[in-house]
Amino acid sequence: MPHPAHSSCTAIFATAFYATALAALFLAAIPDALAQGKGDANRPTFQDERRWIPKPEPTLSGPAPDAGATAGMPQATHPAPADPTVKKAGNASCGTPAAKATALEAGRMRIAVTSPCRAGQDFVWTYGGADFGGDLDGTGRHEILVDAFAGTSTPVEIKFADETVLAMPVEALELDKVSKVALLWRAPVDLDIHVFEYAALPGNAGHVSNAAPSSLSAARDWIEKSGRGHGFLSTPRTDAGKDKSGRERLQVYTFLHKDGQTFGLVTTSVDFATRSERAATPPCGKDALADIPFRVVSWSRHGQVNQEVGVIAAAACGQVLAQQARLNPGAMPVIRIRN
């Protein structure tokens, strides 16, 4: 869902972990505008607890099928999506909820949930180690859009109020043609992914953010025109329902690879969008929401799933936050394209 006042949103980070070589890679890829800081007060204070699981950051290599060849085509469906498995039965009088999966392009899946007997009830669905929220409407229907940032090794599980649990295998198209970076957090604040494709300058073409998210069709069109891979940002609804406690929020950047591309670098950053350029009011200082834990899960088209966790550190109230402090690349992975 769109975030308010994105143009004035900020984030601050502290880095104390990565080696000189990796830092050099990041700085070489980020625009000069992001690498020029003035004064100690503007240095990033990202507090990192990075741990990659189980392999290092995605390195994209080898040829990929031509994504531009399908520009403008409708989202395809999987020929035979699997049926859900009832892991646990709840209210027998209400019966088993129906769930129908449709595999979508760009590594996504749609699940249509139907249970008229449970109309108006909340439910919880899990994927990739995260808990998300859903709510059945007045007719007992809800559609879940699953962005398969963690691949297909674990199912989507849907838990209803009466303890009924369905397990749905993940079936998504083109996972071998895309890479993904997913940002997850629990706090009731807005965080935004910022992506700089091929060292794009802030606000220019190739800078993908919540303010300019692009789309699947737009990315395909640009691939066709430029001959290079491009991506788009999506913010699926994951905190529906009355009880939002413990529910994670999600943003996903999906990069579509171009066949024959020999080299490219795509850097990603995270912005604490709820906080303004001048941290004049909470969340700042010692406010409970002044520092925000988050985690990042990345998917490589070669099937690697990596994870890191970190904290956006608090800013002193009244502190002016420079751009390179708000969008420190050390908090997020780099996508490297190699042939």
C-alpha atoms as a PDB file:
ATOM      1  CA  MET A   1       0.000   0.000   0.000  1.00  0.00           C
ATOM      2  CA  PRO A   2       1.316   3.529  -0.696  1.00  0.00           C
ATOM      3  CA  HIS A   3       3.177   5.347   2.066  1.00  0.00           C
ATOM      4  CA  PRO A   4       2.520   8.982   2.986  1.00  0.00           C
ATOM      5  CA  ALA A   5       5.078  11.716   2.464  1.00  0.00           C
ATOM      6  CA  HIS A   6       7.724   9.604   0.811  1.00  0.00           C
ATOM      7  CA  SER A   7       9.624  12.608  -0.477  1.00  0.00           C
ATOM      8  CA  SER A   8      10.443  13.630   3.079  1.00  0.00           C
ATOM      9  CA  CYS A   9      11.144  10.147   4.464  1.00  0.00           C
ATOM     10  CA  THR A  10      14.535   9.142   5.821  1.00  0.00           C
ATOM     11  CA  ALA A  11      16.596   6.405   7.425  1.00  0.00           C
ATOM     12  CA  ILE A  12      19.911   6.185   9.225  1.00  0.00           C
ATOM     13  CA  PHE A  13      22.267   3.286   9.517  1.00  0.00           C
ATOM     14  CA  ALA A  14      25.491   2.231  11.206  1.00  0.00           C
ATOM     15  CA  THR A  15      27.912  -0.228   9.629  1.00  0.00           C
ATOM     16  CA  ALA A  16      30.593  -2.027  11.554  1.00  0.00           C
ATOM     17  CA  PHE A  17      30.921  -5.360   9.930  1.00  0.00           C
ATOM     18  CA  TYR A  18      31.780  -5.636   6.264  1.00  0.00           C
ATOM     19  CA  ALA A  19      35.241  -5.924   4.846  1.00  0.00           C
ATOM     20  CA  THR A  20      37.082  -3.294   2.841  1.00  0.00           C
ATOM     21  CA  ALA A  21      36.618  -5.135  -0.426  1.00  0.00           C
ATOM     22  CA  LEU A  22      32.837  -5.291  -0.108  1.00  0.00           C
ATOM     23  CA  ALA A  23      32.676  -1.669   0.940  1.00  0.00           C
ATOM     24  CA  ALA A  24      34.635  -0.736  -2.159  1.00  0.00           C
ATOM     25  CA  LEU A  25      32.177  -2.648  -4.329  1.00  0.00           C
ATOM     26  CA  PHE A  26      29.226  -0.806  -2.819  1.00  0.00           C
ATOM     27  CA  LEU A  27      30.806   2.621  -3.160  1.00  0.00           C
ATOM     28  CA  ALA A  28      31.777   1.962  -6.764  1.00  0.00           C
ATOM     29  CA  ALA A  29      28.173   1.158  -7.656  1.00  0.00           C
ATOM     30  CA  ILE A  30      26.378   3.923  -5.787  1.00  0.00           C
ATOM     31  CA  PRO A  31      26.045   7.324  -7.452  1.00  0.00           C
ATOM     32  CA  ASP A  32      28.394  10.054  -6.325  1.00  0.00           C
ATOM     33  CA  ALA A  33      25.422  11.787  -4.770  1.00  0.00           C
ATOM     34  CA  LEU A  34      25.137   8.926  -2.320  1.00  0.00           C
ATOM     35  CA  ALA A  35      28.838   8.706  -1.570  1.00  0.00           C
ATOM     36  CA  GLN A  36      29.470  12.308  -0.569  1.00  0.00           C
ATOM     37  CA  GLY A  37      29.005  12.937   3.138  1.00  0.00           C
ATOM     38  CA  LYS A  38      29.894  16.004   5.135  1.00  0.00           C
ATOM     39  CA  GLY A  39      30.850  15.753   8.757  1.00  0.00           C
ATOM     40  CA  ASP A  40      30.649  13.048  11.375  1.00  0.00           C
ATOM     41  CA  ALA A  41      27.068  13.962  12.261  1.00  0.00           C
ATOM     42  CA  ASN A  42      25.895  12.692   8.885  1.00  0.00           C
ATOM     43  CA  ARG A  43      27.665   9.349   8.909  1.00  0.00           C
ATOM     44  CA  PRO A  44      25.465   6.254   8.709  1.00  0.00           C
ATOM     45  CA  THR A  45      24.720   4.565  12.012  1.00  0.00           C
ATOM     46  CA  PHE A  46      23.330   1.281  10.698  1.00  0.00           C
ATOM     47  CA  GLN A  47      23.702  -1.386  13.340  1.00  0.00           C
ATOM     48  CA  ASP A  48      24.111  -4.635  11.460  1.00  0.00           C
ATOM     49  CA  GLU A  49      23.705  -8.207  12.600  1.00  0.00           C
ATOM     50  CA  ARG A  50      24.315  -9.618   9.118  1.00  0.00           C
ATOM     51  CA  ARG A  51      24.315 -13.337   8.582  1.00  0.00           C
ATOM     52  CA  TRP A  52      23.851 -14.878   5.152  1.00  0.00           C
ATOM     53  CA  ILE A  53      21.990 -18.193   5.093  1.00  0.00           C
ATOM     54  CA  PRO A  54      23.271 -20.443   3.626  1.00  0.00           C
ATOM     55  CA  LYS A  55      25.326 -18.877   0.819  1.00  0.00           C
ATOM     56  CA  PRO A  56      26.800 -15.441   0.035  1.00  0.00           C
ATOM     57  CA  GLU A  57      24.880 -12.679  -1.719  1.00  0.00           C
ATOM     58  CA  PRO A  58      23.330 -13.483  -5.108  1.00  0.00           C
ATOM     59  CA  THR A  59      25.761 -13.336  -8.015  1.00  0.00           C
ATOM     60  CA  LEU A  60      23.828 -13.577 -11.232  1.00  0.00           C
ATOM     61  CA  SER A  61      25.643 -15.293 -14.059  1.00  0.00           C
ATOM     62  CA  GLY A  62      24.988 -17.248 -17.202  1.00  0.00           C
ATOM     63  CA  PRO A  63      22.375 -16.652 -19.906  1.00  0.00           C
ATOM     64  CA  ALA A  64      18.719 -16.180 -19.049  1.00  0.00           C
ATOM     65  CA  PRO A  65      15.705 -16.478 -21.376  1.00  0.00           C
ATOM     66  CA  ASP A  66      14.608 -13.285 -23.087  1.00  0.00           C
ATOM     67  CA  ALA A  67      12.109 -11.567 -20.762  1.00  0.00           C
ATOM     68  CA  GLY A  68      11.435  -8.832 -23.322  1.00  0.00           C
ATOM     69  CA  ALA A  69       9.985 -11.352 -25.754  1.00  0.00           C
ATOM     70  CA  THR A  70       6.882 -11.632 -23.606  1.00  0.00           C
ATOM     71  CA  ALA A  71       6.307  -7.919 -23.105  1.00  0.00           C
ATOM     72  CA  GLY A  72       2.629  -7.053 -22.964  1.00  0.00           C
ATOM     73  CA  MET A  73       1.454 -10.629 -22.501  1.00  0.00           C
ATOM     74  CA  PRO A  74      -1.091 -11.345 -19.743  1.00  0.00           C
ATOM     75  CA  GLN A  75       0.057 -13.151 -16.625  1.00  0.00           C
ATOM     76  CA  ALA A  76       0.301 -16.847 -17.405  1.00  0.00           C
ATOM     77  CA  THR A  77      -1.182 -19.624 -15.338  1.00  0.00           C
ATOM     78  CA  HIS A  78       0.329 -22.909 -14.282  1.00  0.00           C
ATOM     79  CA  PRO A  79      -1.195 -25.874 -16.132  1.00  0.00           C
ATOM     80  CA  ALA A  80      -1.928 -27.948 -13.008  1.00  0.00           C
ATOM     81  CA  PRO A  81      -1.596 -26.141  -9.656  1.00  0.00           C
ATOM     82  CA  ALA A  82      -1.468 -28.463  -6.668  1.00  0.00           C
ATOM     83  CA  ASP A  83      -4.345 -28.750  -4.205  1.00  0.00           C
ATOM     84  CA  PRO A  84      -3.855 -27.663  -0.596  1.00  0.00           C
ATOM     85  CA  THR A  85      -3.239 -30.186   2.165  1.00  0.00           C
ATOM     86  CA  VAL A  86      -5.237 -30.045   5.386  1.00  0.00           C
ATOM     87  CA  LYS A  87      -2.531 -30.042   8.067  1.00  0.00           C
ATOM     88  CA  LYS A  88      -5.028 -29.630  10.885  1.00  0.00           C
ATOM     89  CA  ALA A  89      -8.837 -29.846  10.955  1.00  0.00           C
ATOM     90  CA  GLY A  90     -10.778 -27.361  13.029  1.00  0.00           C
ATOM     91  CA  ASN A  91     -14.521 -26.741  13.200  1.00  0.00           C
ATOM     92  CA  ALA A  92     -16.048 -29.788  11.525  1.00  0.00           C
ATOM     93  CA  SER A  93     -19.439 -28.108  11.116  1.00  0.00           C
ATOM     94  CA  CYS A  94     -17.824 -25.360   9.025  1.00  0.00           C
ATOM     95  CA  GLY A  95     -16.073 -27.749   6.681  1.00  0.00           C
ATOM     96  CA  THR A  96     -12.690 -27.345   4.994  1.00  0.00           C
ATOM     97  CA  PRO A  97     -11.981 -23.951   3.394  1.00  0.00           C
ATOM     98  CA  ALA A  98     -11.387 -23.963  -0.346  1.00  0.00           C
ATOM     99  CA  ALA A  99      -8.093 -22.602  -1.693  1.00  0.00           C
ATOM    100  CA  LYS A 100      -7.194 -22.384  -5.374  1.00  0.00           C
ATOM    101  CA  ALA A 101      -3.697 -21.445  -6.522  1.00  0.00           C
ATOM    102  CA  THR A 102      -2.711 -19.722  -9.755  1.00  0.00           C
ATOM    103  CA  ALA A 103       0.972 -19.490 -10.690  1.00  0.00           C
ATOM    104  CA  LEU A 104       1.873 -16.046 -12.059  1.00  0.00           C
ATOM    105  CA  GLU A 105       4.765 -14.570 -14.031  1.00  0.00           C
ATOM    106  CA  ALA A 106       7.764 -12.934 -12.361  1.00  0.00           C
ATOM    107  CA  GLY A 107       7.871 -15.488  -9.543  1.00  0.00           C
ATOM    108  CA  ARG A 108       4.473 -14.904  -7.941  1.00  0.00           C
ATOM    109  CA  MET A 109       1.368 -16.877  -7.036  1.00  0.00           C
ATOM    110  CA  ARG A 110      -2.254 -15.983  -6.300  1.00  0.00           C
ATOM    111  CA  ILE A 111      -4.327 -18.001  -3.816  1.00  0.00           C
ATOM    112  CA  ALA A 112      -8.108 -17.545  -3.814  1.00  0.00           C
ATOM    113  CA  VAL A 113      -9.471 -18.548  -0.403  1.00  0.00           C
ATOM    114  CA  THR A 114     -13.211 -19.263  -0.005  1.00  0.00           C
ATOM    115  CA  SER A 115     -15.106 -20.219   3.160  1.00  0.00           C
ATOM    116  CA  PRO A 116     -18.620 -18.696   3.467  1.00  0.00           C
ATOM    117  CA  CYS A 117     -19.004 -20.266   6.923  1.00  0.00           C
ATOM    118  CA  ARG A 118     -16.035 -18.170   8.125  1.00  0.00           C
ATOM    119  CA  ALA A 119     -17.145 -14.869   6.553  1.00  0.00           C
ATOM    120  CA  GLY A 120     -15.697 -11.824   8.315  1.00  0.00           C
ATOM    121  CA  GLN A 121     -13.037 -13.784  10.185  1.00  0.00           C
ATOM    122  CA  ASP A 122      -9.322 -13.050  10.232  1.00  0.00           C
ATOM    123  CA  PHE A 123      -6.684 -15.624   9.364  1.00  0.00           C
ATOM    124  CA  VAL A 124      -2.892 -15.860   9.388  1.00  0.00           C
ATOM    125  CA  TRP A 125      -0.787 -17.053   6.483  1.00  0.00           C
ATOM    126  CA  THR A 126       2.910 -17.840   6.621  1.00  0.00           C
ATOM    127  CA  TYR A 127       5.637 -18.004   3.983  1.00  0.00           C
ATOM    128  CA  GLY A 128       9.398 -17.613   4.058  1.00  0.00           C
ATOM    129  CA  GLY A 129       9.468 -17.658   7.849  1.00  0.00           C
ATOM    130  CA  ALA A 130       7.101 -14.668   8.065  1.00  0.00           C
ATOM    131  CA  ASP A 131       3.597 -14.312   9.518  1.00  0.00           C
ATOM    132  CA  PHE A 132       1.135 -12.254   7.480  1.00  0.00           C
ATOM    133  CA  GLY A 133      -2.490 -11.329   8.092  1.00  0.00           C
ATOM    134  CA  GLY A 134      -5.644 -11.807   6.017  1.00  0.00           C
ATOM    135  CA  ASP A 135      -9.369 -11.281   6.465  1.00  0.00           C
ATOM    136  CA  LEU A 136     -12.305 -12.987   4.784  1.00  0.00           C
ATOM    137  CA  ASP A 137     -14.878 -10.570   3.418  1.00  0.00           C
ATOM    138  CA  GLY A 138     -18.639 -10.710   3.967  1.00  0.00           C
ATOM    139  CA  THR A 139     -18.940 -13.599   1.533  1.00  0.00           C
ATOM    140  CA  GLY A 140     -16.003 -15.520   3.002  1.00  0.00           C
ATOM    141  CA  ARG A 141     -13.520 -14.699   0.236  1.00  0.00           C
ATOM    142  CA  HIS A 142      -9.947 -13.367   0.179  1.00  0.00           C
ATOM    143  CA  GLU A 143      -7.136 -13.338  -2.394  1.00  0.00           C
ATOM    144  CA  ILE A 144      -3.545 -13.739  -1.255  1.00  0.00           C
ATOM    145  CA  LEU A 145      -0.754 -12.542  -3.544  1.00  0.00           C
ATOM    146  CA  VAL A 146       2.395 -14.493  -2.722  1.00  0.00           C
ATOM    147  CA  ASP A 147       5.655 -13.018  -3.996  1.00  0.00           C
ATOM    148  CA  ALA A 148       7.924 -16.077  -3.936  1.00  0.00           C
ATOM    149  CA  PHE A 149      11.025 -14.350  -2.550  1.00  0.00           C
ATOM    150  CA  ALA A 150      11.983 -17.537  -0.656  1.00  0.00           C
ATOM    151  CA  GLY A 151      11.486 -19.959  -3.547  1.00  0.00           C
ATOM    152  CA  THR A 152       9.326 -23.071  -3.534  1.00  0.00           C
ATOM    153  CA  SER A 153      10.971 -25.263  -0.886  1.00  0.00           C
ATOM    154  CA  THR A 154       8.409 -24.420   1.811  1.00  0.00           C
ATOM    155  CA  PRO A 155       4.623 -24.105   1.380  1.00  0.00           C
ATOM    156  CA  VAL A 156       2.260 -21.283   2.207  1.00  0.00           C
ATOM    157  CA  GLU A 157       0.314 -22.213   5.337  1.00  0.00           C
ATOM    158  CA  ILE A 158      -3.078 -20.640   6.087  1.00  0.00           C
ATOM    159  CA  LYS A 159      -4.357 -20.817   9.673  1.00  0.00           C
ATOM    160  CA  PHE A 160      -7.992 -19.934  10.403  1.00  0.00           C
ATOM    161  CA  ALA A 161      -9.599 -18.798  13.649  1.00  0.00           C
ATOM    162  CA  ASP A 162     -10.927 -22.302  14.417  1.00  0.00           C
ATOM    163  CA  GLU A 163      -7.362 -23.717  14.148  1.00  0.00           C
ATOM    164  CA  THR A 164      -7.906 -25.235  10.694  1.00  0.00           C
ATOM    165  CA  VAL A 165      -4.584 -25.150   8.823  1.00  0.00           C
ATOM    166  CA  LEU A 166      -4.130 -25.537   5.055  1.00  0.00           C
ATOM    167  CA  ALA A 167      -0.723 -26.051   3.401  1.00  0.00           C
ATOM    168  CA  MET A 168      -0.424 -24.825  -0.188  1.00  0.00           C
ATOM    169  CA  PRO A 169       2.651 -25.722  -2.309  1.00  0.00           C
ATOM    170  CA  VAL A 170       4.282 -22.667  -3.870  1.00  0.00           C
ATOM    171  CA  GLU A 171       4.029 -22.664  -7.657  1.00  0.00           C
ATOM    172  CA  ALA A 172       5.344 -19.572  -9.403  1.00  0.00           C
ATOM    173  CA  LEU A 173       6.417 -18.993 -12.998  1.00  0.00           C
ATOM    174  CA  GLU A 174       9.780 -17.621 -14.170  1.00  0.00           C
ATOM    175  CA  LEU A 175      11.664 -18.085 -10.906  1.00  0.00           C
ATOM    176  CA  ASP A 176      14.640 -19.064 -13.070  1.00  0.00           C
ATOM    177  CA  LYS A 177      14.417 -15.719 -14.876  1.00  0.00           C
ATOM    178  CA  VAL A 178      14.207 -13.331 -11.914  1.00  0.00           C
ATOM    179  CA  SER A 179      16.104 -12.290  -8.805  1.00  0.00           C
ATOM    180  CA  LYS A 180      14.323 -10.815  -5.774  1.00  0.00           C
ATOM    181  CA  VAL A 181      15.121  -8.711  -2.725  1.00  0.00           C
ATOM    182  CA  ALA A 182      12.458  -8.765   0.011  1.00  0.00           C
ATOM    183  CA  LEU A 183      12.370  -6.400   2.998  1.00  0.00           C
ATOM    184  CA  LEU A 184      10.382  -7.552   6.052  1.00  0.00           C
ATOM    185  CA  TRP A 185       9.677  -5.807   9.368  1.00  0.00           C
ATOM    186  CA  ARG A 186       7.081  -5.926  12.178  1.00  0.00           C
ATOM    187  CA  ALA A 187       6.999  -2.361  13.544  1.00  0.00           C
ATOM    188  CA  PRO A 188       3.986  -0.134  12.652  1.00  0.00           C
ATOM    189  CA  VAL A 189       6.142   2.209  10.554  1.00  0.00           C
ATOM    190  CA  ASP A 190       6.927   2.541   6.854  1.00  0.00           C
ATOM    191  CA  LEU A 191      10.206   1.312   5.397  1.00  0.00           C
ATOM    192  CA  ASP A 192      10.996   1.636   1.692  1.00  0.00           C
ATOM    193  CA  ILE A 193      13.389  -0.188  -0.610  1.00  0.00           C
ATOM    194  CA  HIS A 194      15.354   2.085  -2.935  1.00  0.00           C
ATOM    195  CA  VAL A 195      16.969   0.439  -5.960  1.00  0.00           C
ATOM    196  CA  PHE A 196      19.622   2.001  -8.191  1.00  0.00           C
ATOM    197  CA  GLU A 197      19.856   0.068 -11.455  1.00  0.00           C
ATOM    198  CA  TYR A 198      23.230   0.504 -13.174  1.00  0.00           C
ATOM    199  CA  ALA A 199      24.338   3.374 -10.878  1.00  0.00           C
ATOM    200  CA  ALA A 200      21.234   5.460 -11.600  1.00  0.00           C
ATOM    201  CA  LEU A 201      21.113   8.858  -9.904  1.00  0.00           C
ATOM    202  CA  PRO A 202      18.404   9.564  -7.307  1.00  0.00           C
ATOM    203  CA  GLY A 203      15.176  10.608  -9.008  1.00  0.00           C
ATOM    204  CA  ASN A 204      16.377   9.559 -12.462  1.00  0.00           C
ATOM    205  CA  ALA A 205      15.418   6.618 -14.653  1.00  0.00           C
ATOM    206  CA  GLY A 206      16.591   3.426 -13.012  1.00  0.00           C
ATOM    207  CA  HIS A 207      15.936   4.655  -9.459  1.00  0.00           C
ATOM    208  CA  VAL A 208      13.098   2.375  -8.331  1.00  0.00           C
ATOM    209  CA  SER A 209      11.303   3.211  -5.077  1.00  0.00           C
ATOM    210  CA  ASN A 210       7.833   3.440  -3.604  1.00  0.00           C
ATOM    211  CA  ALA A 211       7.529   6.853  -5.253  1.00  0.00           C
ATOM    212  CA  ALA A 212       8.446   5.350  -8.651  1.00  0.00           C
ATOM    213  CA  PRO A 213       7.842   1.577  -8.346  1.00  0.00           C
ATOM    214  CA  SER A 214       7.627   0.744 -12.054  1.00  0.00           C
ATOM    215  CA  SER A 215       5.630  -2.416 -12.897  1.00  0.00           C
ATOM    216  CA  LEU A 216       6.011  -5.795 -14.558  1.00  0.00           C
ATOM    217  CA  SER A 217       4.820  -4.515 -17.938  1.00  0.00           C
ATOM    218  CA  ALA A 218       6.926  -1.345 -17.718  1.00  0.00           C
ATOM    219  CA  ALA A 219      10.026  -3.368 -16.819  1.00  0.00           C
ATOM    220  CA  ARG A 220       9.461  -5.684 -19.785  1.00  0.00           C
ATOM    221  CA  ASP A 221       9.053  -2.705 -22.124  1.00  0.00           C
ATOM    222  CA  TRP A 222      12.280  -1.152 -20.855  1.00  0.00           C
ATOM    223  CA  ILE A 223      14.140  -4.448 -21.271  1.00  0.00           C
ATOM    224  CA  GLU A 224      13.008  -4.592 -24.884  1.00  0.00           C
ATOM    225  CA  LYS A 225      14.207  -1.025 -25.549  1.00  0.00           C
ATOM    226  CA  SER A 226      17.449  -1.025 -23.564  1.00  0.00           C
ATOM    227  CA  GLY A 227      18.662  -4.599 -24.040  1.00  0.00           C
ATOM    228  CA  ARG A 228      19.350  -4.859 -20.296  1.00  0.00           C
ATOM    229  CA  GLY A 229      17.472  -6.353 -17.378  1.00  0.00           C
ATOM    230  CA  HIS A 230      15.239  -4.137 -15.215  1.00  0.00           C
ATOM    231  CA  GLY A 231      12.877  -4.561 -12.300  1.00  0.00           C
ATOM    232  CA  PHE A 232       9.889  -3.321 -10.348  1.00  0.00           C
ATOM    233  CA  LEU A 233       8.833  -2.852  -6.729  1.00  0.00           C
ATOM    234  CA  SER A 234       5.698  -4.344  -5.177  1.00  0.00           C
ATOM    235  CA  THR A 235       4.072  -3.914  -1.760  1.00  0.00           C
ATOM    236  CA  PRO A 236       1.628  -6.792  -1.245  1.00  0.00           C
ATOM    237  CA  ARG A 237      -1.071  -6.396   1.386  1.00  0.00           C
ATOM    238  CA  THR A 238       0.187  -8.502   4.285  1.00  0.00           C
ATOM    239  CA  ASP A 239      -1.294  -6.872   7.410  1.00  0.00           C
ATOM    240  CA  ALA A 240      -5.031  -7.236   6.760  1.00  0.00           C
ATOM    241  CA  GLY A 241      -7.347  -8.093   9.634  1.00  0.00           C
ATOM    242  CA  LYS A 242      -8.237  -6.556  12.976  1.00  0.00           C
ATOM    243  CA  ASP A 243      -5.313  -8.009  14.932  1.00  0.00           C
ATOM    244  CA  LYS A 244      -2.078  -6.742  13.355  1.00  0.00           C
ATOM    245  CA  SER A 245       0.159  -7.639  16.306  1.00  0.00           C
ATOM    246  CA  GLY A 246       3.079  -9.769  15.220  1.00  0.00           C
ATOM    247  CA  ARG A 247       2.233  -9.439  11.516  1.00  0.00           C
ATOM    248  CA  GLU A 248       5.120  -8.671   9.224  1.00  0.00           C
ATOM    249  CA  ARG A 249       5.062  -6.070   6.484  1.00  0.00           C
ATOM    250  CA  LEU A 250       6.706  -6.652   3.137  1.00  0.00           C
ATOM    251  CA  GLN A 251       8.214  -4.941   0.114  1.00  0.00           C
ATOM    252  CA  VAL A 252       9.767  -6.883  -2.772  1.00  0.00           C
ATOM    253  CA  TYR A 253      12.000  -5.775  -5.635  1.00  0.00           C
ATOM    254  CA  THR A 254      11.905  -8.170  -8.594  1.00  0.00           C
ATOM    255  CA  PHE A 255      14.665  -7.978 -11.230  1.00  0.00           C
ATOM    256  CA  LEU A 256      13.936  -9.514 -14.647  1.00  0.00           C
ATOM    257  CA  HIS A 257      17.067 -10.766 -16.396  1.00  0.00           C
ATOM    258  CA  LYS A 258      17.836 -10.134 -20.071  1.00  0.00           C
ATOM    259  CA  ASP A 259      19.289 -12.910 -22.203  1.00  0.00           C
ATOM    260  CA  GLY A 260      22.827 -12.157 -23.365  1.00  0.00           C
ATOM    261  CA  GLN A 261      23.546  -9.345 -20.914  1.00  0.00           C
ATOM    262  CA  THR A 262      27.246  -9.566 -20.015  1.00  0.00           C
ATOM    263  CA  PHE A 263      27.553  -7.323 -16.975  1.00  0.00           C
ATOM    264  CA  GLY A 264      25.550  -5.101 -14.667  1.00  0.00           C
ATOM    265  CA  LEU A 265      25.269  -3.945 -11.078  1.00  0.00           C
ATOM    266  CA  VAL A 266      22.058  -3.213  -9.175  1.00  0.00           C
ATOM    267  CA  THR A 267      22.329  -1.822  -5.643  1.00  0.00           C
ATOM    268  CA  THR A 268      19.562  -1.717  -3.061  1.00  0.00           C
ATOM    269  CA  SER A 269      19.057   0.426   0.049  1.00  0.00           C
ATOM    270  CA  VAL A 270      16.388   0.863   2.732  1.00  0.00           C
ATOM    271  CA  ASP A 271      14.826   4.139   3.880  1.00  0.00           C
ATOM    272  CA  PHE A 272      13.034   4.706   7.213  1.00  0.00           C
ATOM    273  CA  ALA A 273      10.164   6.430   5.430  1.00  0.00           C
ATOM    274  CA  THR A 274       8.189   7.401   8.535  1.00  0.00           C
ATOM    275  CA  ARG A 275      11.055   9.564   9.788  1.00  0.00           C
ATOM    276  CA  SER A 276      11.594  12.957   8.162  1.00  0.00           C
ATOM    277  CA  GLU A 277      14.874  14.520   7.021  1.00  0.00           C
ATOM    278  CA  ARG A 278      15.056  16.318  10.334  1.00  0.00           C
ATOM    279  CA  ALA A 279      14.247  13.939  13.170  1.00  0.00           C
ATOM    280  CA  ALA A 280      12.308  16.616  15.045  1.00  0.00           C
ATOM    281  CA  THR A 281       9.501  14.455  16.398  1.00  0.00           C
ATOM    282  CA  PRO A 282       9.176  10.756  17.247  1.00  0.00           C
ATOM    283  CA  PRO A 283      10.270   8.305  16.068  1.00  0.00           C
ATOM    284  CA  CYS A 284      13.595   9.723  17.250  1.00  0.00           C
ATOM    285  CA  GLY A 285      15.745   9.797  20.339  1.00  0.00           C
ATOM    286  CA  LYS A 286      14.601   7.207  22.876  1.00  0.00           C
ATOM    287  CA  ASP A 287      11.147   6.690  21.368  1.00  0.00           C
ATOM    288  CA  ALA A 288      10.059   3.025  21.220  1.00  0.00           C
ATOM    289  CA  LEU A 289      10.006   3.164  17.413  1.00  0.00           C
ATOM    290  CA  ALA A 290      13.234   5.128  16.984  1.00  0.00           C
ATOM    291  CA  ASP A 291      15.194   2.031  15.945  1.00  0.00           C
ATOM    292  CA  ILE A 292      13.632  -0.645  13.749  1.00  0.00           C
ATOM    293  CA  PRO A 293      14.720  -4.280  13.392  1.00  0.00           C
ATOM    294  CA  PHE A 294      14.272  -5.757   9.929  1.00  0.00           C
ATOM    295  CA  ARG A 295      15.397  -8.656   7.794  1.00  0.00           C
ATOM    296  CA  VAL A 296      16.150  -9.091   4.113  1.00  0.00           C
ATOM    297  CA  VAL A 297      15.604 -12.275   2.102  1.00  0.00           C
ATOM    298  CA  SER A 298      17.042 -12.487  -1.409  1.00  0.00           C
ATOM    299  CA  TRP A 299      16.357 -14.976  -4.176  1.00  0.00           C
ATOM    300  CA  SER A 300      18.776 -15.721  -7.012  1.00  0.00           C
ATOM    301  CA  ARG A 301      17.466 -17.140 -10.288  1.00  0.00           C
ATOM    302  CA  HIS A 302      19.901 -20.009  -9.713  1.00  0.00           C
ATOM    303  CA  GLY A 303      17.870 -21.081  -6.680  1.00  0.00           C
ATOM    304  CA  GLN A 304      19.883 -19.568  -3.820  1.00  0.00           C
ATOM    305  CA  VAL A 305      17.974 -18.124  -0.854  1.00  0.00           C
ATOM    306  CA  ASN A 306      19.994 -15.783   1.386  1.00  0.00           C
ATOM    307  CA  GLN A 307      19.015 -13.901   4.518  1.00  0.00           C
ATOM    308  CA  GLU A 308      20.402 -11.057   6.625  1.00  0.00           C
ATOM    309  CA  VAL A 309      19.057  -9.174   9.626  1.00  0.00           C
ATOM    310  CA  GLY A 310      19.756  -5.675  10.867  1.00  0.00           C
ATOM    311  CA  VAL A 311      18.530  -2.656  12.800  1.00  0.00           C
ATOM    312  CA  ILE A 312      17.928   0.902  11.634  1.00  0.00           C
ATOM    313  CA  ALA A 313      19.494   2.864  14.479  1.00  0.00           C
ATOM    314  CA  ALA A 314      17.805   5.746  16.270  1.00  0.00           C
ATOM    315  CA  ALA A 315      18.529   9.342  15.285  1.00  0.00           C
ATOM    316  CA  ALA A 316      18.869  12.122  17.830  1.00  0.00           C
ATOM    317  CA  CYS A 317      15.806  14.355  17.820  1.00  0.00           C
ATOM    318  CA  GLY A 318      16.564  17.446  15.738  1.00  0.00           C
ATOM    319  CA  GLN A 319      19.389  15.782  13.801  1.00  0.00           C
ATOM    320  CA  VAL A 320      19.492  16.514  10.080  1.00  0.00           C
ATOM    321  CA  LEU A 321      20.003  13.289   8.155  1.00  0.00           C
ATOM    322  CA  ALA A 322      22.108  13.428   5.013  1.00  0.00           C
ATOM    323  CA  GLN A 323      21.131  11.420   1.969  1.00  0.00           C
ATOM    324  CA  GLN A 324      23.997   8.926   2.172  1.00  0.00           C
ATOM    325  CA  ALA A 325      23.018   8.225   5.797  1.00  0.00           C
ATOM    326  CA  ARG A 326      19.394   7.584   4.821  1.00  0.00           C
ATOM    327  CA  LEU A 327      20.226   5.286   1.905  1.00  0.00           C
ATOM    328  CA  ASN A 328      23.303   3.361   3.041  1.00  0.00           C
ATOM    329  CA  PRO A 329      23.878   0.401   0.690  1.00  0.00           C
ATOM    330  CA  GLY A 330      25.576  -1.586   3.448  1.00  0.00           C
ATOM    331  CA  ALA A 331      22.165  -2.500   4.830  1.00  0.00           C
ATOM    332  CA  MET A 332      21.038  -4.367   1.713  1.00  0.00           C
ATOM    333  CA  PRO A 333      22.356  -6.863  -0.868  1.00  0.00           C
ATOM    334  CA  VAL A 334      23.819  -6.106  -4.299  1.00  0.00           C
ATOM    335  CA  ILE A 335      22.655  -7.876  -7.459  1.00  0.00           C
ATOM    336  CA  ARG A 336      25.574  -8.504  -9.826  1.00  0.00           C
ATOM    337  CA  ILE A 337      24.870  -9.629 -13.382  1.00  0.00           C
ATOM    338  CA  ARG A 338      27.652 -11.636 -15.035  1.00  0.00           C
ATOM    339  CA  ASN A 339      27.697 -13.711 -18.180  1.00  0.00           C
END
